[in-house]
C-alpha atoms as a PDB file:
ATOM      1  CA  UNK A   1      36.151  41.477  32.582  1.00  0.00           C
ATOM      2  CA  UNK A   2      37.135  45.064  33.284  1.00  0.00           C
ATOM      3  CA  UNK A   3      39.155  45.218  30.054  1.00  0.00           C
ATOM      4  CA  UNK A   4      36.249  43.882  28.009  1.00  0.00           C
ATOM      5  CA  UNK A   5      33.808  46.425  29.425  1.00  0.00           C
ATOM      6  CA  UNK A   6      36.326  49.235  28.902  1.00  0.00           C
ATOM      7  CA  UNK A   7      36.935  48.117  25.324  1.00  0.00           C
ATOM      8  CA  UNK A   8      33.194  48.033  24.617  1.00  0.00           C
ATOM      9  CA  UNK A   9      32.762  51.511  26.069  1.00  0.00           C
ATOM     10  CA  UNK A  10      35.530  53.105  24.012  1.00  0.00           C
ATOM     11  CA  UNK A  11      34.822  51.345  20.721  1.00  0.00           C
ATOM     12  CA  UNK A  12      31.027  51.473  20.454  1.00  0.00           C
ATOM     13  CA  UNK A  13      31.157  52.633  16.850  1.00  0.00           C
ATOM     14  CA  UNK A  14      33.384  49.758  15.750  1.00  0.00           C
ATOM     15  CA  UNK A  15      31.175  47.135  17.384  1.00  0.00           C
ATOM     16  CA  UNK A  16      28.080  48.825  15.975  1.00  0.00           C
ATOM     17  CA  UNK A  17      29.527  48.724  12.471  1.00  0.00           C
ATOM     18  CA  UNK A  18      30.488  45.074  12.814  1.00  0.00           C
ATOM     19  CA  UNK A  19      26.977  44.256  14.032  1.00  0.00           C
ATOM     20  CA  UNK A  20      25.477  46.176  11.117  1.00  0.00           C
ATOM     21  CA  UNK A  21      27.651  44.276   8.630  1.00  0.00           C
ATOM     22  CA  UNK A  22      26.596  40.928  10.103  1.00  0.00           C
ATOM     23  CA  UNK A  23      22.929  41.993   9.989  1.00  0.00           C
ATOM     24  CA  UNK A  24      23.221  43.123   6.353  1.00  0.00           C
ATOM     25  CA  UNK A  25      24.848  39.839   5.363  1.00  0.00           C
ATOM     26  CA  UNK A  26      22.020  37.937   7.066  1.00  0.00           C
ATOM     27  CA  UNK A  27      19.433  40.008   5.164  1.00  0.00           C
ATOM     28  CA  UNK A  28      21.301  39.379   1.909  1.00  0.00           C
ATOM     29  CA  UNK A  29      21.315  35.616   2.502  1.00  0.00           C
ATOM     30  CA  UNK A  30      17.578  35.619   3.237  1.00  0.00           C
ATOM     31  CA  UNK A  31      16.824  37.648   0.102  1.00  0.00           C
ATOM     32  CA  UNK A  32      18.960  35.417  -2.116  1.00  0.00           C
ATOM     33  CA  UNK A  33      17.414  32.239  -0.746  1.00  0.00           C
ATOM     34  CA  UNK A  34      13.948  33.652  -1.411  1.00  0.00           C
ATOM     35  CA  UNK A  35      14.896  34.614  -4.958  1.00  0.00           C
ATOM     36  CA  UNK A  36      16.395  31.205  -5.682  1.00  0.00           C
ATOM     37  CA  UNK A  37      13.297  29.457  -4.320  1.00  0.00           C
ATOM     38  CA  UNK A  38      11.137  31.596  -6.588  1.00  0.00           C
ATOM     39  CA  UNK A  39      13.273  30.765  -9.606  1.00  0.00           C
ATOM     40  CA  UNK A  40      13.056  27.034  -8.879  1.00  0.00           C
ATOM     41  CA  UNK A  41       9.284  27.219  -8.510  1.00  0.00           C
ATOM     42  CA  UNK A  42       9.027  29.219 -11.732  1.00  0.00           C
ATOM     43  CA  UNK A  43      11.143  26.663 -13.575  1.00  0.00           C
ATOM     44  CA  UNK A  44       9.077  23.630 -12.582  1.00  0.00           C
ATOM     45  CA  UNK A  45       5.627  25.251 -12.498  1.00  0.00           C
ATOM     46  CA  UNK A  46       4.934  24.217 -16.083  1.00  0.00           C
ATOM     47  CA  UNK A  47       5.649  20.579 -15.284  1.00  0.00           C
ATOM     48  CA  UNK A  48       3.544  20.720 -12.146  1.00  0.00           C
ATOM     49  CA  UNK A  49       0.510  22.035 -14.061  1.00  0.00           C
ATOM     50  CA  UNK A  50       0.510  19.235 -16.657  1.00  0.00           C
ATOM     51  CA  UNK A  51      -2.448  16.923 -16.004  1.00  0.00           C
ATOM     52  CA  UNK A  52      -0.389  13.735 -16.325  1.00  0.00           C
ATOM     53  CA  UNK A  53       0.116  10.813 -13.994  1.00  0.00           C
ATOM     54  CA  UNK A  54       3.404   9.601 -15.507  1.00  0.00           C
ATOM     55  CA  UNK A  55       6.135  10.590 -17.938  1.00  0.00           C
ATOM     56  CA  UNK A  56       8.005   8.415 -20.444  1.00  0.00           C
ATOM     57  CA  UNK A  57      11.677   8.959 -21.255  1.00  0.00           C
ATOM     58  CA  UNK A  58      13.973   7.444 -23.844  1.00  0.00           C
ATOM     59  CA  UNK A  59      16.144   4.451 -22.974  1.00  0.00           C
ATOM     60  CA  UNK A  60      19.273   5.315 -21.029  1.00  0.00           C
ATOM     61  CA  UNK A  61      18.125   8.698 -19.731  1.00  0.00           C
ATOM     62  CA  UNK A  62      18.156   7.731 -16.066  1.00  0.00           C
ATOM     63  CA  UNK A  63      21.537   6.040 -16.319  1.00  0.00           C
ATOM     64  CA  UNK A  64      23.121   8.988 -18.080  1.00  0.00           C
ATOM     65  CA  UNK A  65      24.120   6.977 -21.141  1.00  0.00           C
ATOM     66  CA  UNK A  66      24.548   8.865 -24.422  1.00  0.00           C
ATOM     67  CA  UNK A  67      21.851   8.351 -27.034  1.00  0.00           C
ATOM     68  CA  UNK A  68      22.805   6.199 -29.961  1.00  0.00           C
ATOM     69  CA  UNK A  69      22.512   7.668 -33.428  1.00  0.00           C
ATOM     70  CA  UNK A  70      20.166   5.804 -35.752  1.00  0.00           C
END
């Protein structure tokens, strides 16, 4: 325990810098998650505002099958 306390006392700047880097990374993650949430909401807002109760798709869309040429 003595060595740990002595190390903390002599290297305050190093531990402060490491703490600052961890804090900045946490802020960056929070900002990016907020931006991505905003982009998702912006992308689907048009679909959410449509006054429809159901949507119709072509055959094979849900299964991922390629459309046949007619």
